[in-house]
C-alpha atoms as a PDB file:
ATOM      1  CA  GLN A   1      92.567 113.350 100.243  1.00  0.00           C
ATOM      2  CA  VAL A   2      95.096 111.169  98.530  1.00  0.00           C
ATOM      3  CA  GLN A   3      98.424 109.805  99.781  1.00  0.00           C
ATOM      4  CA  LEU A   4     101.712 108.822  98.253  1.00  0.00           C
ATOM      5  CA  VAL A   5     104.254 107.107  99.667  1.00  0.00           C
ATOM      6  CA  GLU A   6     107.655 106.850  97.205  1.00  0.00           C
ATOM      7  CA  SER A   7     110.290 103.446  97.683  1.00  0.00           C
ATOM      8  CA  GLY A   8     112.674 102.405  95.975  1.00  0.00           C
ATOM      9  CA  GLY A   9     115.761 104.521  96.521  1.00  0.00           C
ATOM     10  CA  GLY A  10     119.243 104.319  97.058  1.00  0.00           C
ATOM     11  CA  LEU A  11     123.224 104.493  96.411  1.00  0.00           C
ATOM     12  CA  VAL A  12     123.643 102.991  92.651  1.00  0.00           C
ATOM     13  CA  GLN A  13     126.632 103.074  89.891  1.00  0.00           C
ATOM     14  CA  ALA A  14     126.633 104.738  87.273  1.00  0.00           C
ATOM     15  CA  GLY A  15     124.833 102.898  84.444  1.00  0.00           C
ATOM     16  CA  GLY A  16     122.814 100.547  86.758  1.00  0.00           C
ATOM     17  CA  SER A  17     119.525 100.170  87.692  1.00  0.00           C
ATOM     18  CA  LEU A  18     116.550 101.043  90.594  1.00  0.00           C
ATOM     19  CA  ARG A  19     112.810 100.920  90.568  1.00  0.00           C
ATOM     20  CA  LEU A  20     110.646 103.304  91.992  1.00  0.00           C
ATOM     21  CA  SER A  21     107.289 102.474  93.591  1.00  0.00           C
ATOM     22  CA  CYS A  22     104.860 105.205  94.424  1.00  0.00           C
ATOM     23  CA  LEU A  23     101.863 103.599  96.368  1.00  0.00           C
ATOM     24  CA  ALA A  24      98.736 105.735  96.829  1.00  0.00           C
ATOM     25  CA  SER A  25      96.174 105.446  99.180  1.00  0.00           C
ATOM     26  CA  GLY A  26      92.862 107.777  99.995  1.00  0.00           C
ATOM     27  CA  ARG A  27      90.405 109.009  97.153  1.00  0.00           C
ATOM     28  CA  THR A  28      92.225 106.643  94.355  1.00  0.00           C
ATOM     29  CA  SER A  29      89.157 106.518  92.346  1.00  0.00           C
ATOM     30  CA  GLY A  30      89.226 107.792  88.981  1.00  0.00           C
ATOM     31  CA  SER A  31      91.181 109.592  86.314  1.00  0.00           C
ATOM     32  CA  PHE A  32      94.179 111.191  86.998  1.00  0.00           C
ATOM     33  CA  THR A  33      98.185 111.120  86.479  1.00  0.00           C
ATOM     34  CA  MET A  34     100.454 110.544  88.113  1.00  0.00           C
ATOM     35  CA  GLY A  35     103.788 112.006  88.056  1.00  0.00           C
ATOM     36  CA  TRP A  36     107.371 111.648  88.648  1.00  0.00           C
ATOM     37  CA  PHE A  37     109.074 114.666  89.747  1.00  0.00           C
ATOM     38  CA  ARG A  38     112.622 115.067  90.354  1.00  0.00           C
ATOM     39  CA  GLN A  39     114.821 117.366  92.698  1.00  0.00           C
ATOM     40  CA  VAL A  40     118.511 118.566  93.540  1.00  0.00           C
ATOM     41  CA  PRO A  41     119.381 120.803  95.954  1.00  0.00           C
ATOM     42  CA  GLY A  42     119.343 124.728  95.053  1.00  0.00           C
ATOM     43  CA  LYS A  43     117.790 123.277  92.145  1.00  0.00           C
ATOM     44  CA  GLU A  44     113.964 123.663  90.911  1.00  0.00           C
ATOM     45  CA  ARG A  45     112.350 120.352  90.477  1.00  0.00           C
ATOM     46  CA  GLU A  46     112.002 119.209  87.385  1.00  0.00           C
ATOM     47  CA  PHE A  47     109.853 116.764  85.804  1.00  0.00           C
ATOM     48  CA  VAL A  48     110.358 113.380  84.445  1.00  0.00           C
ATOM     49  CA  SER A  49     107.607 111.224  83.175  1.00  0.00           C
ATOM     50  CA  HIS A  50     103.997 110.776  83.960  1.00  0.00           C
ATOM     51  CA  ILE A  51     101.332 108.462  82.895  1.00  0.00           C
ATOM     52  CA  SER A  52      97.835 108.616  82.592  1.00  0.00           C
ATOM     53  CA  TRP A  53      96.015 106.251  85.356  1.00  0.00           C
ATOM     54  CA  ILE A  54      93.289 104.757  83.188  1.00  0.00           C
ATOM     55  CA  GLY A  55      94.652 105.058  80.015  1.00  0.00           C
ATOM     56  CA  ALA A  56      98.647 104.443  80.436  1.00  0.00           C
ATOM     57  CA  SER A  57      99.183 107.046  77.767  1.00  0.00           C
ATOM     58  CA  THR A  58     102.963 107.983  78.496  1.00  0.00           C
ATOM     59  CA  ASN A  59     105.785 110.895  78.764  1.00  0.00           C
ATOM     60  CA  TYR A  60     109.080 111.512  79.158  1.00  0.00           C
ATOM     61  CA  ALA A  61     111.189 114.549  79.724  1.00  0.00           C
ATOM     62  CA  ASP A  62     114.080 114.220  76.866  1.00  0.00           C
ATOM     63  CA  SER A  63     116.856 113.586  79.687  1.00  0.00           C
ATOM     64  CA  VAL A  64     115.428 110.237  79.993  1.00  0.00           C
ATOM     65  CA  LYS A  65     114.185 108.835  77.508  1.00  0.00           C
ATOM     66  CA  GLY A  66     115.252 105.410  76.663  1.00  0.00           C
ATOM     67  CA  ARG A  67     116.318 104.810  79.695  1.00  0.00           C
ATOM     68  CA  PHE A  68     113.696 105.243  82.377  1.00  0.00           C
ATOM     69  CA  THR A  69     110.097 103.764  82.002  1.00  0.00           C
ATOM     70  CA  ILE A  70     106.664 104.202  83.716  1.00  0.00           C
ATOM     71  CA  SER A  71     104.396 102.195  84.721  1.00  0.00           C
ATOM     72  CA  ARG A  72     101.118 101.492  86.880  1.00  0.00           C
ATOM     73  CA  ASP A  73      99.327  98.616  88.568  1.00  0.00           C
ATOM     74  CA  ILE A  74      95.661  99.840  89.212  1.00  0.00           C
ATOM     75  CA  SER A  75      95.035  96.581  91.106  1.00  0.00           C
ATOM     76  CA  LYS A  76      97.633  97.584  93.729  1.00  0.00           C
ATOM     77  CA  ASN A  77      97.199 101.293  92.980  1.00  0.00           C
ATOM     78  CA  LEU A  78     100.951 100.972  92.349  1.00  0.00           C
ATOM     79  CA  GLY A  79     103.277 103.461  90.442  1.00  0.00           C
ATOM     80  CA  TYR A  80     106.700 102.440  89.200  1.00  0.00           C
ATOM     81  CA  LEU A  81     109.660 104.043  87.710  1.00  0.00           C
ATOM     82  CA  GLN A  82     112.147 101.868  86.037  1.00  0.00           C
ATOM     83  CA  MET A  83     115.766 103.934  85.799  1.00  0.00           C
ATOM     84  CA  ASN A  84     118.572 101.870  83.830  1.00  0.00           C
ATOM     85  CA  ASN A  85     121.798 102.744  82.693  1.00  0.00           C
ATOM     86  CA  LEU A  86     121.694 105.645  85.640  1.00  0.00           C
ATOM     87  CA  LYS A  87     124.057 108.437  85.245  1.00  0.00           C
ATOM     88  CA  PRO A  88     125.288 110.620  88.227  1.00  0.00           C
ATOM     89  CA  GLU A  89     123.346 113.561  86.533  1.00  0.00           C
ATOM     90  CA  ASP A  90     120.187 111.529  87.486  1.00  0.00           C
ATOM     91  CA  THR A  91     121.482 111.979  91.805  1.00  0.00           C
ATOM     92  CA  ALA A  92     118.181 113.877  92.728  1.00  0.00           C
ATOM     93  CA  VAL A  93     115.314 113.243  95.390  1.00  0.00           C
ATOM     94  CA  TYR A  94     112.979 111.729  93.077  1.00  0.00           C
ATOM     95  CA  TYR A  95     108.991 112.453  93.717  1.00  0.00           C
ATOM     96  CA  CYS A  96     106.121 111.438  92.721  1.00  0.00           C
ATOM     97  CA  ALA A  97     102.622 112.777  92.782  1.00  0.00           C
ATOM     98  CA  VAL A  98      99.069 112.798  91.681  1.00  0.00           C
ATOM     99  CA  THR A  99      96.677 115.242  89.916  1.00  0.00           C
ATOM    100  CA  TYR A 100      93.676 116.850  91.046  1.00  0.00           C
ATOM    101  CA  GLY A 101      91.964 118.084  87.578  1.00  0.00           C
ATOM    102  CA  VAL A 102      94.876 119.323  85.975  1.00  0.00           C
ATOM    103  CA  VAL A 103      97.468 120.476  88.768  1.00  0.00           C
ATOM    104  CA  TYR A 104      99.576 117.936  90.621  1.00  0.00           C
ATOM    105  CA  LYS A 105      97.852 118.645  94.072  1.00  0.00           C
ATOM    106  CA  TYR A 106      99.327 115.820  96.232  1.00  0.00           C
ATOM    107  CA  TRP A 107     102.780 114.531  96.335  1.00  0.00           C
ATOM    108  CA  GLY A 108     105.277 112.046  98.026  1.00  0.00           C
ATOM    109  CA  GLN A 109     107.314 112.535 100.693  1.00  0.00           C
ATOM    110  CA  GLY A 110     110.222 111.866  98.137  1.00  0.00           C
ATOM    111  CA  THR A 111     112.995 109.083  97.826  1.00  0.00           C
ATOM    112  CA  GLN A 112     116.530 109.174  97.064  1.00  0.00           C
ATOM    113  CA  VAL A 113     118.698 108.239  94.865  1.00  0.00           C
ATOM    114  CA  THR A 114     122.342 108.636  94.339  1.00  0.00           C
ATOM    115  CA  VAL A 115     124.609 107.677  91.170  1.00  0.00           C
ATOM    116  CA  SER A 116     128.522 107.364  91.570  1.00  0.00           C
ATOM    117  CA  SER A 117     130.488 107.350  89.184  1.00  0.00           C
END
């Protein structure tokens, strides 16, 4: 079992920055992937970025490439999503999740990000 807690969301003006954190606890040893997703009410949850916990390989959605950076601190069991040059369309609830095998099995409760124009 893995527990995830996101933090760092808030209200920011367009062009601003936020850094989201995801603290993992429980059975966090071994190789897994941490991903960030976002969801707007009435729409499906969409992939934002992921990072392999051991090798640190990363992947990004086209909509955030060049603006968002994912990272992790293994010693602290923390994952990060640095979001720069935020746009109103980035407004959403952001979730972190980790895989069990190849499936994202464990999810955090989400943190709201609101970008005003």
